[in-house]
Structure formats: C-alpha cells, structure tokens
Amino acid sequence: MTAYFNWPVIAALCPNLYFSTDGADYSTVIETMDATADQTTNFTVSSGLSRNQVHVWATGVNSADTARHFVHQQTITPVGGKYTLTLKPGQVYIVTTTTGQGKGAAAPPHQRGAGLQVGSGCSTA
C-alpha cells in the first residue's frame, strides 16, 4: 500500500516537519502495531524518487517511556535502488530521505484546575 501526503500543507500545520521541494525525496509511515513477530521487508525505489540514504525513525507505541518515542534507528544506503528493513512489532516507523529531523523537547504545562468556582449562587428556572 502506498500513501501520498500533501507535505506543504502538513509542513504549514507542523513546522518541525521537513519536506522535499524537488519532488525526489520521500517519507513513508509504516506501522506494525498488530504484528506478533519481526517482519523483513524489501523496498525498491523507482519512478524518479531519491536513491540517497534512507533514515529510519521509530516510536514504540506501547511504551510510556518517551525515550522510546521518535528514535533514530539507522541510516540505510540503497544499493541499485533497493534496501531491506526489519520491522519489529508494536512500532510506528518513518522512513525518509529528508534530513533535519529530531525529537522535540517541548513539555506540557503543569496540570491545574480550570479555576471555575462552583457555588450555590446559581438560580434555576
């Protein structure tokens, strides 16, 4: 299955994402959330897509440990436009020929109450 994203729109909504303006670079999202064993996959790059290095990022979707979220796994150099990737269960992978990615350091604000007062001063009709 192949999916195409409108990267300029996504980049406008999420400015930390990178996208290609030359039409050759690509990114692919692969999920193995329901897999029960490792899967070896073979890729062939064609149709004018980049044959440059492929950067593999992964997020362990079942892990609460943020150190396992969006982790650079490896960089693969395709040979003759082909490469192999072993996918582990319970992951979301991003395979991309773009560069500049990295895990953000943003933290959510401290949780606190909404500050609404509840009292007996309300009247009902």
Protein backbone atom coordinates (compact mmCIF):
# COMPACT_ATOMS: atom_id res chain seq x y z
CA MET A 1 0.00 0.00 0.00
CA THR A 2 1.30 3.45 -0.85
CA ALA A 3 0.05 6.71 0.62
CA TYR A 4 0.80 10.20 -0.58
CA PHE A 5 0.69 13.19 1.70
CA ASN A 6 0.33 16.86 0.83
CA TRP A 7 3.61 17.72 2.56
CA PRO A 8 3.40 21.53 2.04
CA VAL A 9 0.07 21.59 3.91
CA ILE A 10 1.37 19.28 6.64
CA ALA A 11 4.53 21.37 6.96
CA ALA A 12 2.44 24.53 7.32
CA LEU A 13 0.48 22.90 10.14
CA CYS A 14 3.55 21.27 11.76
CA PRO A 15 6.59 23.49 11.08
CA ASN A 16 9.04 21.00 12.67
CA LEU A 17 8.43 18.52 9.83
CA TYR A 18 10.62 18.62 6.75
CA PHE A 19 9.51 18.02 3.19
CA SER A 20 11.07 17.94 -0.23
CA THR A 21 10.64 20.71 -2.77
CA ASP A 22 12.39 18.84 -5.59
CA GLY A 23 9.86 16.00 -5.81
CA ALA A 24 12.51 13.28 -5.40
CA ASP A 25 12.77 12.91 -1.62
CA TYR A 26 10.13 10.84 0.10
CA SER A 27 8.85 9.81 3.52
CA THR A 28 6.80 6.73 4.30
CA VAL A 29 4.97 5.82 7.50
CA ILE A 30 4.84 2.12 8.39
CA GLU A 31 3.01 0.70 11.40
CA THR A 32 3.41 -2.73 12.96
CA MET A 33 1.11 -2.28 15.93
CA ASP A 34 -0.70 -5.61 15.44
CA ALA A 35 2.33 -7.64 14.33
CA THR A 36 3.38 -10.56 16.52
CA ALA A 37 6.89 -11.11 15.12
CA ASP A 38 9.66 -9.29 13.27
CA GLN A 39 9.00 -8.74 9.56
CA THR A 40 11.70 -8.36 6.93
CA THR A 41 10.61 -6.05 4.13
CA ASN A 42 12.27 -5.29 0.80
CA PHE A 43 11.97 -1.89 -0.85
CA THR A 44 12.72 -0.87 -4.43
CA VAL A 45 12.97 2.84 -5.15
CA SER A 46 11.82 3.87 -8.62
CA SER A 47 9.86 6.49 -10.59
CA GLY A 48 12.38 9.25 -10.02
CA LEU A 49 12.41 9.03 -6.24
CA SER A 50 15.66 9.69 -4.40
CA ARG A 51 18.14 6.82 -4.14
CA ASN A 52 20.04 8.66 -1.42
CA GLN A 53 20.41 7.43 2.13
CA VAL A 54 17.23 6.44 3.95
CA HIS A 55 16.82 7.47 7.60
CA VAL A 56 14.70 5.18 9.77
CA TRP A 57 12.91 6.55 12.86
CA ALA A 58 10.70 4.52 15.19
CA THR A 59 8.25 5.01 18.03
CA GLY A 60 7.35 2.19 20.40
CA VAL A 61 3.60 2.75 20.57
CA ASN A 62 3.10 0.51 23.60
CA SER A 63 5.79 2.24 25.66
CA ALA A 64 5.12 5.05 28.13
CA ASP A 65 8.88 5.69 28.13
CA THR A 66 9.34 8.80 25.97
CA ALA A 67 12.94 7.74 25.36
CA ARG A 68 11.43 5.13 23.00
CA HIS A 69 9.44 7.71 21.02
CA PHE A 70 10.78 9.01 17.69
CA VAL A 71 14.21 7.40 17.97
CA HIS A 72 16.63 7.31 15.03
CA GLN A 73 17.15 3.60 14.37
CA GLN A 74 19.54 3.51 11.43
CA THR A 75 20.60 5.03 8.14
CA ILE A 76 20.48 2.75 5.11
CA THR A 77 22.24 3.30 1.78
CA PRO A 78 20.21 1.65 -1.01
CA VAL A 79 22.17 -0.46 -3.47
CA GLY A 80 20.81 -0.26 -7.01
CA GLY A 81 17.72 1.48 -5.59
CA LYS A 82 16.98 -1.45 -3.23
CA TYR A 83 17.17 -1.90 0.52
CA THR A 84 15.88 -4.24 3.22
CA LEU A 85 14.42 -3.26 6.57
CA THR A 86 13.48 -5.47 9.51
CA LEU A 87 10.39 -4.18 11.31
CA LYS A 88 9.66 -5.04 14.93
CA PRO A 89 6.14 -5.42 16.38
CA GLY A 90 4.43 -2.54 18.17
CA GLN A 91 6.16 0.27 16.28
CA VAL A 92 5.39 3.18 14.01
CA TYR A 93 8.28 3.76 11.60
CA ILE A 94 9.10 6.77 9.48
CA VAL A 95 11.38 6.00 6.55
CA THR A 96 12.64 9.18 4.85
CA THR A 97 15.31 10.54 2.55
CA THR A 98 14.93 14.01 4.06
CA THR A 99 17.23 15.27 6.82
CA GLY A 100 16.93 17.59 9.78
CA GLN A 101 14.53 15.54 11.88
CA GLY A 102 14.86 15.33 15.63
CA LYS A 103 12.86 14.75 18.75
CA GLY A 104 11.33 17.89 20.18
CA ALA A 105 11.98 19.00 23.73
CA ALA A 106 8.61 20.60 24.43
CA ALA A 107 6.91 19.74 27.71
CA PRO A 108 3.23 20.14 28.51
CA PRO A 109 2.27 22.79 31.04
CA HIS A 110 1.74 21.80 34.65
CA GLN A 111 -1.77 20.44 35.22
CA ARG A 112 -4.06 22.52 37.36
CA GLY A 113 -7.76 23.02 37.87
CA ALA A 114 -9.81 25.04 35.43
CA GLY A 115 -10.34 27.78 38.05
CA LEU A 116 -14.11 27.70 37.81
CA GLN A 117 -15.96 28.44 41.03
CA VAL A 118 -18.92 26.31 41.89
CA GLY A 119 -21.32 27.72 44.40
CA SER A 120 -24.90 27.94 45.48
CA GLY A 121 -25.45 31.36 43.86
CA CYS A 122 -26.94 29.87 40.68
CA SER A 123 -30.64 30.03 40.13
CA THR A 124 -32.68 27.63 38.06
CA ALA A 125 -35.83 28.38 36.16
